[in-house]
């Protein structure tokens, strides 16, 4: 649980509670979006605003093998 406090807690909570508003994964929790989609979005460019920030954060979490953070939060929520 060490990494949890390094990142902005609110962003991490958003990743396990907010859903994707459009596209193939519309309605899915952001934390449940597959890695291949995040890689594609990273190459294409994340959308502006909070959604882009959330997706970029999720991409970085997956890239660095920190998914445990999200699994712990999903259990709490």
N, C-alpha and C. Protein backbone atom coordinates (compact mmCIF):
# COMPACT_ATOMS: atom_id res chain seq x y z
N UNK A 1 0.82 -1.21 0.00
CA UNK A 1 0.00 0.00 0.00
C UNK A 1 0.86 1.26 0.00
N UNK A 2 2.15 1.14 -0.01
CA UNK A 2 3.08 2.26 0.01
C UNK A 2 2.84 3.23 -1.14
N UNK A 3 2.66 2.72 -2.36
CA UNK A 3 2.52 3.57 -3.55
C UNK A 3 1.27 4.41 -3.51
N UNK A 4 0.26 3.96 -2.80
CA UNK A 4 -1.02 4.66 -2.75
C UNK A 4 -0.86 6.12 -2.35
N UNK A 5 0.01 6.40 -1.42
CA UNK A 5 0.15 7.77 -0.91
C UNK A 5 1.09 8.62 -1.74
N UNK A 6 1.83 8.00 -2.67
CA UNK A 6 2.70 8.77 -3.55
C UNK A 6 1.86 9.53 -4.58
N UNK A 7 0.82 8.90 -5.09
CA UNK A 7 -0.03 9.51 -6.10
C UNK A 7 -1.19 10.25 -5.43
N UNK A 8 -1.81 11.11 -6.18
CA UNK A 8 -2.98 11.83 -5.69
C UNK A 8 -4.10 10.83 -5.41
N UNK A 9 -4.51 10.76 -4.16
CA UNK A 9 -5.52 9.78 -3.74
C UNK A 9 -6.83 9.91 -4.52
N UNK A 10 -7.25 11.13 -4.78
CA UNK A 10 -8.51 11.36 -5.50
C UNK A 10 -8.46 10.79 -6.91
N UNK A 11 -7.34 10.92 -7.58
CA UNK A 11 -7.18 10.38 -8.93
C UNK A 11 -7.32 8.86 -8.90
N UNK A 12 -6.69 8.24 -7.93
CA UNK A 12 -6.76 6.78 -7.82
C UNK A 12 -8.18 6.31 -7.54
N UNK A 13 -8.88 7.03 -6.70
CA UNK A 13 -10.28 6.69 -6.41
C UNK A 13 -11.13 6.86 -7.67
N UNK A 14 -10.87 7.92 -8.43
CA UNK A 14 -11.59 8.12 -9.69
C UNK A 14 -11.38 6.96 -10.65
N UNK A 15 -10.17 6.42 -10.69
CA UNK A 15 -9.87 5.31 -11.60
C UNK A 15 -10.68 4.05 -11.30
N UNK A 16 -11.08 3.88 -10.05
CA UNK A 16 -11.86 2.68 -9.69
C UNK A 16 -13.36 2.96 -9.56
N UNK A 17 -13.77 4.22 -9.78
CA UNK A 17 -15.20 4.55 -9.67
C UNK A 17 -15.80 5.18 -10.92
N UNK A 18 -14.99 5.78 -11.76
CA UNK A 18 -15.50 6.45 -12.98
C UNK A 18 -15.52 5.48 -14.14
N UNK A 19 -16.44 5.71 -15.07
CA UNK A 19 -16.56 4.84 -16.24
C UNK A 19 -16.15 5.59 -17.51
N UNK A 20 -15.79 4.80 -18.50
CA UNK A 20 -15.41 5.34 -19.80
C UNK A 20 -16.67 5.89 -20.48
N UNK A 21 -16.64 7.16 -20.92
CA UNK A 21 -17.85 7.77 -21.45
C UNK A 21 -18.15 7.50 -22.93
N UNK A 22 -17.21 6.89 -23.66
CA UNK A 22 -17.42 6.69 -25.09
C UNK A 22 -16.61 5.50 -25.60
N UNK A 23 -16.85 5.14 -26.84
CA UNK A 23 -16.05 4.14 -27.52
C UNK A 23 -16.38 2.71 -27.17
N UNK A 24 -15.48 1.84 -27.56
CA UNK A 24 -15.64 0.40 -27.39
C UNK A 24 -15.85 0.00 -25.94
N UNK A 25 -15.26 0.74 -25.02
CA UNK A 25 -15.33 0.39 -23.59
C UNK A 25 -16.25 1.32 -22.80
N UNK A 26 -17.18 1.95 -23.50
CA UNK A 26 -18.15 2.82 -22.86
C UNK A 26 -18.87 2.06 -21.73
N UNK A 27 -18.92 2.70 -20.55
CA UNK A 27 -19.59 2.11 -19.41
C UNK A 27 -18.70 1.24 -18.53
N UNK A 28 -17.52 0.89 -19.00
CA UNK A 28 -16.57 0.09 -18.20
C UNK A 28 -15.86 1.00 -17.21
N UNK A 29 -15.57 0.47 -16.02
CA UNK A 29 -14.73 1.22 -15.09
C UNK A 29 -13.39 1.50 -15.75
N UNK A 30 -12.86 2.68 -15.53
CA UNK A 30 -11.59 3.03 -16.14
C UNK A 30 -10.51 2.01 -15.80
N UNK A 31 -10.47 1.55 -14.56
CA UNK A 31 -9.45 0.60 -14.14
C UNK A 31 -9.58 -0.75 -14.84
N UNK A 32 -10.71 -1.02 -15.48
CA UNK A 32 -10.93 -2.29 -16.17
C UNK A 32 -10.67 -2.21 -17.67
N UNK A 33 -10.26 -1.06 -18.15
CA UNK A 33 -9.95 -0.91 -19.57
C UNK A 33 -8.67 -1.69 -19.86
N UNK A 34 -8.67 -2.50 -20.92
CA UNK A 34 -7.50 -3.33 -21.23
C UNK A 34 -6.26 -2.50 -21.57
N UNK A 35 -5.12 -3.09 -21.26
CA UNK A 35 -3.84 -2.41 -21.49
C UNK A 35 -3.63 -2.06 -22.96
N UNK A 36 -4.01 -2.97 -23.87
CA UNK A 36 -3.80 -2.70 -25.29
C UNK A 36 -4.53 -1.43 -25.74
N UNK A 37 -5.68 -1.15 -25.15
CA UNK A 37 -6.42 0.06 -25.49
C UNK A 37 -5.69 1.31 -24.97
N UNK A 38 -5.12 1.20 -23.77
CA UNK A 38 -4.37 2.32 -23.21
C UNK A 38 -3.11 2.61 -24.04
N UNK A 39 -2.46 1.56 -24.52
CA UNK A 39 -1.28 1.73 -25.37
C UNK A 39 -1.69 2.43 -26.67
N UNK A 40 -2.80 2.00 -27.25
CA UNK A 40 -3.31 2.64 -28.46
C UNK A 40 -3.63 4.11 -28.22
N UNK A 41 -4.30 4.38 -27.10
CA UNK A 41 -4.64 5.77 -26.76
C UNK A 41 -3.38 6.60 -26.54
N UNK A 42 -2.38 6.01 -25.91
CA UNK A 42 -1.11 6.71 -25.68
C UNK A 42 -0.47 7.12 -27.00
N UNK A 43 -0.49 6.21 -27.96
CA UNK A 43 0.08 6.51 -29.29
C UNK A 43 -0.74 7.57 -30.02
N UNK A 44 -2.04 7.46 -29.92
CA UNK A 44 -2.95 8.38 -30.62
C UNK A 44 -2.99 9.75 -29.93
N UNK A 45 -2.87 9.74 -28.62
CA UNK A 45 -2.99 10.95 -27.82
C UNK A 45 -4.22 10.88 -26.94
N UNK A 46 -4.02 11.01 -25.65
CA UNK A 46 -5.14 10.96 -24.72
C UNK A 46 -6.02 12.19 -24.91
N UNK A 47 -7.32 12.05 -24.64
CA UNK A 47 -8.20 13.21 -24.75
C UNK A 47 -7.81 14.28 -23.72
N UNK A 48 -8.27 15.47 -23.94
CA UNK A 48 -7.98 16.56 -23.01
C UNK A 48 -8.85 16.43 -21.77
N UNK A 49 -8.47 17.16 -20.76
CA UNK A 49 -9.26 17.22 -19.54
C UNK A 49 -9.00 16.08 -18.59
N UNK A 50 -9.96 15.92 -17.67
CA UNK A 50 -9.81 14.90 -16.62
C UNK A 50 -9.72 13.49 -17.18
N UNK A 51 -10.51 13.19 -18.20
CA UNK A 51 -10.48 11.85 -18.77
C UNK A 51 -9.08 11.51 -19.29
N UNK A 52 -8.47 12.43 -19.98
CA UNK A 52 -7.12 12.22 -20.49
C UNK A 52 -6.12 12.02 -19.37
N UNK A 53 -6.26 12.79 -18.31
CA UNK A 53 -5.37 12.66 -17.16
C UNK A 53 -5.57 11.31 -16.49
N UNK A 54 -6.84 10.88 -16.34
CA UNK A 54 -7.12 9.57 -15.74
C UNK A 54 -6.52 8.45 -16.58
N UNK A 55 -6.74 8.50 -17.89
CA UNK A 55 -6.23 7.45 -18.77
C UNK A 55 -4.71 7.43 -18.79
N UNK A 56 -4.10 8.59 -18.80
CA UNK A 56 -2.64 8.66 -18.77
C UNK A 56 -2.10 8.09 -17.46
N UNK A 57 -2.75 8.41 -16.36
CA UNK A 57 -2.35 7.88 -15.05
C UNK A 57 -2.48 6.37 -15.04
N UNK A 58 -3.58 5.86 -15.57
CA UNK A 58 -3.79 4.42 -15.64
C UNK A 58 -2.72 3.77 -16.52
N UNK A 59 -2.39 4.40 -17.62
CA UNK A 59 -1.33 3.90 -18.51
C UNK A 59 -0.01 3.79 -17.74
N UNK A 60 0.34 4.82 -16.98
CA UNK A 60 1.59 4.82 -16.22
C UNK A 60 1.57 3.76 -15.12
N UNK A 61 0.43 3.59 -14.48
CA UNK A 61 0.31 2.55 -13.45
C UNK A 61 0.58 1.18 -14.06
N UNK A 62 -0.04 0.91 -15.20
CA UNK A 62 0.14 -0.38 -15.86
C UNK A 62 1.57 -0.54 -16.38
N UNK A 63 2.11 0.51 -16.96
CA UNK A 63 3.47 0.49 -17.50
C UNK A 63 4.50 0.14 -16.42
N UNK A 64 4.26 0.61 -15.22
CA UNK A 64 5.20 0.40 -14.13
C UNK A 64 4.83 -0.76 -13.21
N UNK A 65 3.83 -1.55 -13.60
CA UNK A 65 3.47 -2.74 -12.85
C UNK A 65 2.89 -2.46 -11.48
N UNK A 66 2.12 -1.38 -11.36
CA UNK A 66 1.57 -0.97 -10.07
C UNK A 66 0.07 -1.25 -9.94
N UNK A 67 -0.44 -2.21 -10.70
CA UNK A 67 -1.87 -2.51 -10.69
C UNK A 67 -2.38 -2.88 -9.31
N UNK A 68 -1.50 -3.34 -8.44
CA UNK A 68 -1.88 -3.71 -7.08
C UNK A 68 -2.58 -2.56 -6.36
N UNK A 69 -2.15 -1.36 -6.66
CA UNK A 69 -2.77 -0.17 -6.05
C UNK A 69 -4.28 -0.16 -6.35
N UNK A 70 -4.62 -0.39 -7.60
CA UNK A 70 -6.02 -0.34 -8.02
C UNK A 70 -6.80 -1.52 -7.47
N UNK A 71 -6.18 -2.69 -7.42
CA UNK A 71 -6.87 -3.86 -6.87
C UNK A 71 -7.22 -3.64 -5.41
N UNK A 72 -6.30 -3.05 -4.65
CA UNK A 72 -6.57 -2.75 -3.24
C UNK A 72 -7.72 -1.75 -3.10
N UNK A 73 -7.73 -0.73 -3.94
CA UNK A 73 -8.79 0.28 -3.89
C UNK A 73 -10.15 -0.30 -4.29
N UNK A 74 -10.17 -1.17 -5.28
CA UNK A 74 -11.43 -1.78 -5.70
C UNK A 74 -12.04 -2.59 -4.56
N UNK A 75 -11.22 -3.22 -3.75
CA UNK A 75 -11.72 -3.98 -2.61
C UNK A 75 -12.37 -3.07 -1.58
N UNK A 76 -11.81 -1.87 -1.42
CA UNK A 76 -12.32 -0.90 -0.44
C UNK A 76 -13.64 -0.30 -0.93
N UNK A 77 -13.72 0.03 -2.20
CA UNK A 77 -14.89 0.71 -2.76
C UNK A 77 -15.99 -0.24 -2.95
